[in-house]
Amino acid sequence: MKVYATSDVGKVREINEDYFSVSYPEDKVQLFLLADGMGGYNGGEVASKLAITTARDYILNNYANTEHTKEALLELVVSSSIYANMVVFEKASQNAEIKHMGTTLDICLFFQNNVLISHIGDSRVYRIRNNYMRKLTKDHSYVQQLVDDGSITDEEAAKHPDKNLLMKAIGVNSFIEPDGLIKGYQKGDVFLMCSDGLTNMVSEDEILKIIEDNPTDCTKPLIQKANDNGGHDNITAIVIR
């Protein structure tokens, strides 16, 4: 397994409110986390870092005592997101300046031939297999709801003025229900975790081509392409080969 990760402030924002954590190949637990923060005076920066560190520590502290089945480990990953939500919500309630802060949170735990995913918000996890890129997560956004009920098309969603409006985020409410997913992986698969600063600026076809054209560290050219197209938001990409 080879891992590449890059985060960039973009061309418009002054602060990078994205945060991520990756494992090294020699680590016993192969754990990858990404968060895109929002709200308040530096609140997004606080929320994303707090969510990542809380969820990561929760998983690592409880991993050894958790039954090593994909079902039990998925429950651990999802529980870490619920716990992170509680911690971020509590922190926000203590400080008026950051009371509206929140963050997306995606967690991928690789175990045997499976990746166990907890997902909240509109950051995304993709799997690339046989030259096809599949989005594994579903955006928790107002625009995605409009797509689901047939009000707008995917093409209209990409240009919708409210596409950044989230229906679910860490730290906004006292309790949250993350999406929990178990997906298999094969030799040669590539996983991409990214914030919407990438997917709002670069099409999925372009992302796939960049990943295929750059067999080592493709995260830097992905970030560069997002910035070339405007860089309207912070941009983070983690690629796991």
C-alpha atoms as a PDB file:
ATOM      1  CA  MET A   1       0.000   0.000   0.000  1.00  0.00           C
ATOM      2  CA  LYS A   2       1.324   3.435  -1.005  1.00  0.00           C
ATOM      3  CA  VAL A   3      -0.212   6.621   0.333  1.00  0.00           C
ATOM      4  CA  TYR A   4       0.028  10.200  -0.917  1.00  0.00           C
ATOM      5  CA  ALA A   5      -1.655  13.227   0.666  1.00  0.00           C
ATOM      6  CA  THR A   6      -1.655  16.962  -0.011  1.00  0.00           C
ATOM      7  CA  SER A   7      -3.692  19.847   1.409  1.00  0.00           C
ATOM      8  CA  ASP A   8      -3.712  23.399   0.084  1.00  0.00           C
ATOM      9  CA  VAL A   9      -5.430  26.643   1.113  1.00  0.00           C
ATOM     10  CA  GLY A  10      -6.499  27.337  -2.486  1.00  0.00           C
ATOM     11  CA  LYS A  11      -6.601  30.709  -4.240  1.00  0.00           C
ATOM     12  CA  VAL A  12      -9.378  32.476  -2.320  1.00  0.00           C
ATOM     13  CA  ARG A  13      -9.442  31.453   1.354  1.00  0.00           C
ATOM     14  CA  GLU A  14      -7.004  32.862   3.926  1.00  0.00           C
ATOM     15  CA  ILE A  15      -7.067  29.842   6.260  1.00  0.00           C
ATOM     16  CA  ASN A  16      -6.957  26.143   5.424  1.00  0.00           C
ATOM     17  CA  GLU A  17      -9.864  24.631   7.362  1.00  0.00           C
ATOM     18  CA  ASP A  18      -9.260  21.145   5.944  1.00  0.00           C
ATOM     19  CA  TYR A  19      -7.397  18.631   8.097  1.00  0.00           C
ATOM     20  CA  PHE A  20      -6.291  15.045   7.531  1.00  0.00           C
ATOM     21  CA  SER A  21      -4.455  12.134   9.091  1.00  0.00           C
ATOM     22  CA  VAL A  22      -2.835   9.141   7.377  1.00  0.00           C
ATOM     23  CA  SER A  23      -1.087   5.964   8.466  1.00  0.00           C
ATOM     24  CA  TYR A  24       2.397   4.933   7.439  1.00  0.00           C
ATOM     25  CA  PRO A  25       2.810   1.589   5.611  1.00  0.00           C
ATOM     26  CA  GLU A  26       4.485   0.048   8.676  1.00  0.00           C
ATOM     27  CA  ASP A  27       1.642   1.018  11.037  1.00  0.00           C
ATOM     28  CA  LYS A  28      -0.383  -1.866  12.459  1.00  0.00           C
ATOM     29  CA  VAL A  29      -3.664  -0.004  11.907  1.00  0.00           C
ATOM     30  CA  GLN A  30      -4.156   1.381   8.403  1.00  0.00           C
ATOM     31  CA  LEU A  31      -6.368   4.390   9.143  1.00  0.00           C
ATOM     32  CA  PHE A  32      -7.089   7.470   7.025  1.00  0.00           C
ATOM     33  CA  LEU A  33      -9.210  10.479   7.983  1.00  0.00           C
ATOM     34  CA  LEU A  34     -10.225  13.694   6.217  1.00  0.00           C
ATOM     35  CA  ALA A  35     -12.296  16.648   7.426  1.00  0.00           C
ATOM     36  CA  ASP A  36     -13.446  19.921   5.838  1.00  0.00           C
ATOM     37  CA  GLY A  37     -14.313  22.467   8.528  1.00  0.00           C
ATOM     38  CA  MET A  38     -16.674  25.434   8.440  1.00  0.00           C
ATOM     39  CA  GLY A  39     -18.124  28.278  10.457  1.00  0.00           C
ATOM     40  CA  GLY A  40     -17.240  30.994  12.941  1.00  0.00           C
ATOM     41  CA  TYR A  41     -14.003  32.800  13.695  1.00  0.00           C
ATOM     42  CA  ASN A  42     -11.410  30.132  12.851  1.00  0.00           C
ATOM     43  CA  GLY A  43     -14.136  27.668  13.843  1.00  0.00           C
ATOM     44  CA  GLY A  44     -13.749  25.413  10.825  1.00  0.00           C
ATOM     45  CA  GLU A  45     -10.057  24.995  11.514  1.00  0.00           C
ATOM     46  CA  VAL A  46     -10.814  24.054  15.132  1.00  0.00           C
ATOM     47  CA  ALA A  47     -13.657  21.681  14.222  1.00  0.00           C
ATOM     48  CA  SER A  48     -11.798  19.732  11.543  1.00  0.00           C
ATOM     49  CA  LYS A  49      -8.646  19.202  13.615  1.00  0.00           C
ATOM     50  CA  LEU A  50     -10.623  18.294  16.757  1.00  0.00           C
ATOM     51  CA  ALA A  51     -12.831  15.834  14.861  1.00  0.00           C
ATOM     52  CA  ILE A  52      -9.841  14.115  13.247  1.00  0.00           C
ATOM     53  CA  THR A  53      -7.745  13.808  16.397  1.00  0.00           C
ATOM     54  CA  THR A  54     -10.700  12.670  18.513  1.00  0.00           C
ATOM     55  CA  ALA A  55     -11.889  10.016  16.045  1.00  0.00           C
ATOM     56  CA  ARG A  56      -8.367   8.783  15.335  1.00  0.00           C
ATOM     57  CA  ASP A  57      -7.469   8.420  19.012  1.00  0.00           C
ATOM     58  CA  TYR A  58     -10.800   6.710  19.724  1.00  0.00           C
ATOM     59  CA  ILE A  59     -10.128   4.068  17.064  1.00  0.00           C
ATOM     60  CA  LEU A  60      -6.478   3.503  17.982  1.00  0.00           C
ATOM     61  CA  ASN A  61      -7.241   3.292  21.708  1.00  0.00           C
ATOM     62  CA  ASN A  62     -10.031   0.742  21.199  1.00  0.00           C
ATOM     63  CA  TYR A  63      -8.704  -1.235  18.227  1.00  0.00           C
ATOM     64  CA  ALA A  64      -6.903  -3.949  20.208  1.00  0.00           C
ATOM     65  CA  ASN A  65      -9.978  -4.673  22.352  1.00  0.00           C
ATOM     66  CA  THR A  66     -12.390  -4.775  19.408  1.00  0.00           C
ATOM     67  CA  GLU A  67     -13.229  -8.104  17.775  1.00  0.00           C
ATOM     68  CA  HIS A  68     -11.308  -8.237  14.516  1.00  0.00           C
ATOM     69  CA  THR A  69     -14.220  -8.791  12.185  1.00  0.00           C
ATOM     70  CA  LYS A  70     -15.282  -6.308   9.534  1.00  0.00           C
ATOM     71  CA  GLU A  71     -18.660  -5.814  11.232  1.00  0.00           C
ATOM     72  CA  ALA A  72     -17.178  -5.049  14.665  1.00  0.00           C
ATOM     73  CA  LEU A  73     -14.529  -2.758  13.208  1.00  0.00           C
ATOM     74  CA  LEU A  74     -17.129  -0.880  11.165  1.00  0.00           C
ATOM     75  CA  GLU A  75     -19.048  -0.285  14.388  1.00  0.00           C
ATOM     76  CA  LEU A  76     -15.829   1.055  15.943  1.00  0.00           C
ATOM     77  CA  VAL A  77     -15.259   3.446  13.041  1.00  0.00           C
ATOM     78  CA  VAL A  78     -18.853   4.722  13.093  1.00  0.00           C
ATOM     79  CA  SER A  79     -18.770   5.068  16.892  1.00  0.00           C
ATOM     80  CA  SER A  80     -15.612   7.172  16.602  1.00  0.00           C
ATOM     81  CA  SER A  81     -17.515   9.644  14.405  1.00  0.00           C
ATOM     82  CA  ILE A  82     -20.400   9.799  16.873  1.00  0.00           C
ATOM     83  CA  TYR A  83     -17.945  10.439  19.702  1.00  0.00           C
ATOM     84  CA  ALA A  84     -16.107  13.096  17.665  1.00  0.00           C
ATOM     85  CA  ASN A  85     -19.440  14.820  17.027  1.00  0.00           C
ATOM     86  CA  MET A  86     -20.125  14.944  20.753  1.00  0.00           C
ATOM     87  CA  VAL A  87     -16.686  16.429  21.475  1.00  0.00           C
ATOM     88  CA  VAL A  88     -16.907  19.077  18.732  1.00  0.00           C
ATOM     89  CA  PHE A  89     -20.490  19.993  19.699  1.00  0.00           C
ATOM     90  CA  GLU A  90     -19.450  20.399  23.328  1.00  0.00           C
ATOM     91  CA  LYS A  91     -16.458  22.562  22.362  1.00  0.00           C
ATOM     92  CA  ALA A  92     -18.642  24.785  20.182  1.00  0.00           C
ATOM     93  CA  SER A  93     -21.180  25.296  22.959  1.00  0.00           C
ATOM     94  CA  GLN A  94     -18.442  26.638  25.260  1.00  0.00           C
ATOM     95  CA  ASN A  95     -17.277  29.493  23.033  1.00  0.00           C
ATOM     96  CA  ALA A  96     -19.539  32.053  21.350  1.00  0.00           C
ATOM     97  CA  GLU A  97     -16.960  32.781  18.644  1.00  0.00           C
ATOM     98  CA  ILE A  98     -17.037  29.210  17.350  1.00  0.00           C
ATOM     99  CA  LYS A  99     -20.566  28.160  18.301  1.00  0.00           C
ATOM    100  CA  HIS A 100     -21.558  27.637  14.652  1.00  0.00           C
ATOM    101  CA  MET A 101     -18.523  25.544  13.734  1.00  0.00           C
ATOM    102  CA  GLY A 102     -18.823  22.120  12.146  1.00  0.00           C
ATOM    103  CA  THR A 103     -16.991  19.811   9.796  1.00  0.00           C
ATOM    104  CA  THR A 104     -17.345  16.963   7.376  1.00  0.00           C
ATOM    105  CA  LEU A 105     -15.639  13.739   8.406  1.00  0.00           C
ATOM    106  CA  ASP A 106     -14.629  10.729   6.338  1.00  0.00           C
ATOM    107  CA  ILE A 107     -12.799   7.777   7.881  1.00  0.00           C
ATOM    108  CA  CYS A 108     -11.361   4.771   6.038  1.00  0.00           C
ATOM    109  CA  LEU A 109     -10.013   1.788   7.971  1.00  0.00           C
ATOM    110  CA  PHE A 110      -8.388  -0.909   5.826  1.00  0.00           C
ATOM    111  CA  PHE A 111      -8.766  -4.426   7.203  1.00  0.00           C
ATOM    112  CA  GLN A 112      -7.914  -7.597   5.294  1.00  0.00           C
ATOM    113  CA  ASN A 113      -9.650  -7.186   1.906  1.00  0.00           C
ATOM    114  CA  ASN A 114     -12.129  -4.566   3.073  1.00  0.00           C
ATOM    115  CA  VAL A 115     -12.246  -0.855   3.708  1.00  0.00           C
ATOM    116  CA  LEU A 116     -14.585   0.230   6.503  1.00  0.00           C
ATOM    117  CA  ILE A 117     -15.938   3.733   5.940  1.00  0.00           C
ATOM    118  CA  SER A 118     -17.720   6.251   8.136  1.00  0.00           C
ATOM    119  CA  HIS A 119     -19.052   9.260   6.239  1.00  0.00           C
ATOM    120  CA  ILE A 120     -20.615  12.572   7.216  1.00  0.00           C
ATOM    121  CA  GLY A 121     -20.956  15.638   4.969  1.00  0.00           C
ATOM    122  CA  ASP A 122     -19.907  16.266   1.366  1.00  0.00           C
ATOM    123  CA  SER A 123     -16.281  15.239   1.344  1.00  0.00           C
ATOM    124  CA  ARG A 124     -15.989  12.081  -0.713  1.00  0.00           C
ATOM    125  CA  VAL A 125     -14.415   8.629  -0.984  1.00  0.00           C
ATOM    126  CA  TYR A 126     -13.897   7.112  -4.444  1.00  0.00           C
ATOM    127  CA  ARG A 127     -12.634   3.720  -5.573  1.00  0.00           C
ATOM    128  CA  ILE A 128     -10.914   3.360  -8.931  1.00  0.00           C
ATOM    129  CA  ARG A 129     -10.886  -0.103 -10.496  1.00  0.00           C
ATOM    130  CA  ASN A 130     -10.252  -1.096 -14.113  1.00  0.00           C
ATOM    131  CA  ASN A 131     -10.172   2.526 -15.308  1.00  0.00           C
ATOM    132  CA  TYR A 132     -13.551   3.284 -13.699  1.00  0.00           C
ATOM    133  CA  MET A 133     -13.999   5.685 -10.780  1.00  0.00           C
ATOM    134  CA  ARG A 134     -16.944   4.988  -8.468  1.00  0.00           C
ATOM    135  CA  LYS A 135     -18.130   7.345  -5.734  1.00  0.00           C
ATOM    136  CA  LEU A 136     -18.612   5.212  -2.609  1.00  0.00           C
ATOM    137  CA  THR A 137     -20.088   7.923  -0.381  1.00  0.00           C
ATOM    138  CA  LYS A 138     -23.251   9.968  -0.830  1.00  0.00           C
ATOM    139  CA  ASP A 139     -23.186  13.705  -0.150  1.00  0.00           C
ATOM    140  CA  HIS A 140     -25.224  14.848   2.846  1.00  0.00           C
ATOM    141  CA  SER A 141     -26.236  18.033   1.079  1.00  0.00           C
ATOM    142  CA  TYR A 142     -29.384  19.938   0.158  1.00  0.00           C
ATOM    143  CA  VAL A 143     -28.534  19.645  -3.533  1.00  0.00           C
ATOM    144  CA  GLN A 144     -28.107  15.849  -3.273  1.00  0.00           C
ATOM    145  CA  GLN A 145     -31.604  15.683  -1.775  1.00  0.00           C
ATOM    146  CA  LEU A 146     -32.920  17.607  -4.786  1.00  0.00           C
ATOM    147  CA  VAL A 147     -31.199  15.109  -7.095  1.00  0.00           C
ATOM    148  CA  ASP A 148     -32.591  12.161  -5.127  1.00  0.00           C
ATOM    149  CA  ASP A 149     -36.191  13.381  -5.367  1.00  0.00           C
ATOM    150  CA  GLY A 150     -35.831  14.172  -9.065  1.00  0.00           C
ATOM    151  CA  SER A 151     -36.111  17.953  -8.770  1.00  0.00           C
ATOM    152  CA  ILE A 152     -32.794  18.581 -10.537  1.00  0.00           C
ATOM    153  CA  THR A 153     -30.261  16.612 -12.608  1.00  0.00           C
ATOM    154  CA  ASP A 154     -26.650  15.833 -11.683  1.00  0.00           C
ATOM    155  CA  GLU A 155     -25.560  18.441 -14.227  1.00  0.00           C
ATOM    156  CA  GLU A 156     -27.775  21.091 -12.602  1.00  0.00           C
ATOM    157  CA  ALA A 157     -26.502  20.068  -9.166  1.00  0.00           C
ATOM    158  CA  ALA A 158     -22.910  20.833 -10.174  1.00  0.00           C
ATOM    159  CA  LYS A 159     -23.844  24.493 -10.793  1.00  0.00           C
ATOM    160  CA  HIS A 160     -26.510  24.938  -8.100  1.00  0.00           C
ATOM    161  CA  PRO A 161     -26.012  28.068  -5.930  1.00  0.00           C
ATOM    162  CA  ASP A 162     -26.772  26.115  -2.716  1.00  0.00           C
ATOM    163  CA  LYS A 163     -24.478  23.163  -3.386  1.00  0.00           C
ATOM    164  CA  ASN A 164     -22.428  23.914  -0.253  1.00  0.00           C
ATOM    165  CA  LEU A 165     -25.449  23.681   2.068  1.00  0.00           C
ATOM    166  CA  LEU A 166     -24.992  20.589   4.242  1.00  0.00           C
ATOM    167  CA  MET A 167     -27.815  18.571   5.784  1.00  0.00           C
ATOM    168  CA  LYS A 168     -25.416  16.698   8.099  1.00  0.00           C
ATOM    169  CA  ALA A 169     -22.136  17.778   9.693  1.00  0.00           C
ATOM    170  CA  ILE A 170     -20.039  16.979  12.748  1.00  0.00           C
ATOM    171  CA  GLY A 171     -20.584  19.362  15.668  1.00  0.00           C
ATOM    172  CA  VAL A 172     -23.837  21.007  14.576  1.00  0.00           C
ATOM    173  CA  ASN A 173     -26.241  18.847  16.593  1.00  0.00           C
ATOM    174  CA  SER A 174     -25.740  16.875  19.803  1.00  0.00           C
ATOM    175  CA  PHE A 175     -26.247  13.541  18.017  1.00  0.00           C
ATOM    176  CA  ILE A 176     -25.515  12.386  14.486  1.00  0.00           C
ATOM    177  CA  GLU A 177     -25.964   9.219  12.434  1.00  0.00           C
ATOM    178  CA  PRO A 178     -23.010   8.618  10.107  1.00  0.00           C
ATOM    179  CA  ASP A 179     -23.230   6.436   7.028  1.00  0.00           C
ATOM    180  CA  GLY A 180     -21.327   3.178   7.616  1.00  0.00           C
ATOM    181  CA  LEU A 181     -20.040   1.271   4.583  1.00  0.00           C
ATOM    182  CA  ILE A 182     -18.081  -1.929   3.992  1.00  0.00           C
ATOM    183  CA  LYS A 183     -16.417  -2.085   0.575  1.00  0.00           C
ATOM    184  CA  GLY A 184     -14.029  -4.677  -0.780  1.00  0.00           C
ATOM    185  CA  TYR A 185     -10.747  -3.934  -2.459  1.00  0.00           C
ATOM    186  CA  GLN A 186      -8.495  -5.816  -4.847  1.00  0.00           C
ATOM    187  CA  LYS A 187      -4.879  -5.554  -5.870  1.00  0.00           C
ATOM    188  CA  GLY A 188      -4.536  -2.574  -8.202  1.00  0.00           C
ATOM    189  CA  ASP A 189      -7.450  -0.611  -6.736  1.00  0.00           C
ATOM    190  CA  VAL A 190      -6.911   3.068  -5.950  1.00  0.00           C
ATOM    191  CA  PHE A 191      -8.865   4.970  -3.297  1.00  0.00           C
ATOM    192  CA  LEU A 192      -9.293   8.738  -3.306  1.00  0.00           C
ATOM    193  CA  MET A 193     -10.465  10.710  -0.271  1.00  0.00           C
ATOM    194  CA  CYS A 194     -11.029  14.398  -0.989  1.00  0.00           C
ATOM    195  CA  SER A 195     -12.725  17.573   0.173  1.00  0.00           C
ATOM    196  CA  ASP A 196     -15.196  19.387  -2.085  1.00  0.00           C
ATOM    197  CA  GLY A 197     -12.504  21.937  -2.894  1.00  0.00           C
ATOM    198  CA  LEU A 198     -11.312  19.333  -5.389  1.00  0.00           C
ATOM    199  CA  THR A 199     -14.600  17.974  -6.729  1.00  0.00           C
ATOM    200  CA  ASN A 200     -16.171  21.439  -7.132  1.00  0.00           C
ATOM    201  CA  MET A 201     -13.229  22.572  -9.257  1.00  0.00           C
ATOM    202  CA  VAL A 202     -12.255  19.420 -11.184  1.00  0.00           C
ATOM    203  CA  SER A 203     -14.607  17.013 -12.961  1.00  0.00           C
ATOM    204  CA  GLU A 204     -14.580  13.315 -12.110  1.00  0.00           C
ATOM    205  CA  ASP A 205     -13.311  12.513 -15.617  1.00  0.00           C
ATOM    206  CA  GLU A 206     -10.396  14.920 -15.140  1.00  0.00           C
ATOM    207  CA  ILE A 207      -9.647  13.514 -11.673  1.00  0.00           C
ATOM    208  CA  LEU A 208      -9.538   9.966 -13.054  1.00  0.00           C
ATOM    209  CA  LYS A 209      -7.215  10.980 -15.899  1.00  0.00           C
ATOM    210  CA  ILE A 210      -4.805  12.776 -13.532  1.00  0.00           C
ATOM    211  CA  ILE A 211      -4.684   9.766 -11.198  1.00  0.00           C
ATOM    212  CA  GLU A 212      -4.038   7.389 -14.095  1.00  0.00           C
ATOM    213  CA  ASP A 213      -1.416   9.673 -15.680  1.00  0.00           C
ATOM    214  CA  ASN A 214       0.517  10.049 -12.407  1.00  0.00           C
ATOM    215  CA  PRO A 215       1.237   6.573 -10.984  1.00  0.00           C
ATOM    216  CA  THR A 216       3.181   7.912  -7.981  1.00  0.00           C
ATOM    217  CA  ASP A 217       2.107  11.106  -6.206  1.00  0.00           C
ATOM    218  CA  CYS A 218      -0.971  12.272  -8.115  1.00  0.00           C
ATOM    219  CA  THR A 219      -2.236  14.472  -5.253  1.00  0.00           C
ATOM    220  CA  LYS A 220      -0.065  17.447  -6.214  1.00  0.00           C
ATOM    221  CA  PRO A 221      -1.282  17.608  -9.834  1.00  0.00           C
ATOM    222  CA  LEU A 222      -4.866  17.212  -8.547  1.00  0.00           C
ATOM    223  CA  ILE A 223      -4.384  20.216  -6.249  1.00  0.00           C
ATOM    224  CA  GLN A 224      -2.709  22.163  -9.046  1.00  0.00           C
ATOM    225  CA  LYS A 225      -5.632  21.489 -11.413  1.00  0.00           C
ATOM    226  CA  ALA A 226      -8.154  22.669  -8.793  1.00  0.00           C
ATOM    227  CA  ASN A 227      -6.146  25.871  -8.306  1.00  0.00           C
ATOM    228  CA  ASP A 228      -5.790  26.371 -12.064  1.00  0.00           C
ATOM    229  CA  ASN A 229      -9.580  26.165 -12.318  1.00  0.00           C
ATOM    230  CA  GLY A 230     -10.077  28.841  -9.650  1.00  0.00           C
ATOM    231  CA  GLY A 231      -9.144  27.315  -6.303  1.00  0.00           C
ATOM    232  CA  HIS A 232     -12.281  28.706  -4.653  1.00  0.00           C
ATOM    233  CA  ASP A 233     -11.935  26.556  -1.533  1.00  0.00           C
ATOM    234  CA  ASN A 234      -9.372  24.637   0.492  1.00  0.00           C
ATOM    235  CA  ILE A 235      -8.335  21.469  -1.327  1.00  0.00           C
ATOM    236  CA  THR A 236      -7.290  18.156   0.203  1.00  0.00           C
ATOM    237  CA  ALA A 237      -6.623  14.845  -1.530  1.00  0.00           C
ATOM    238  CA  ILE A 238      -5.491  11.508  -0.096  1.00  0.00           C
ATOM    239  CA  VAL A 239      -4.680   8.740  -2.586  1.00  0.00           C
ATOM    240  CA  ILE A 240      -4.207   5.162  -1.385  1.00  0.00           C
ATOM    241  CA  ARG A 241      -2.812   2.710  -3.937  1.00  0.00           C
END
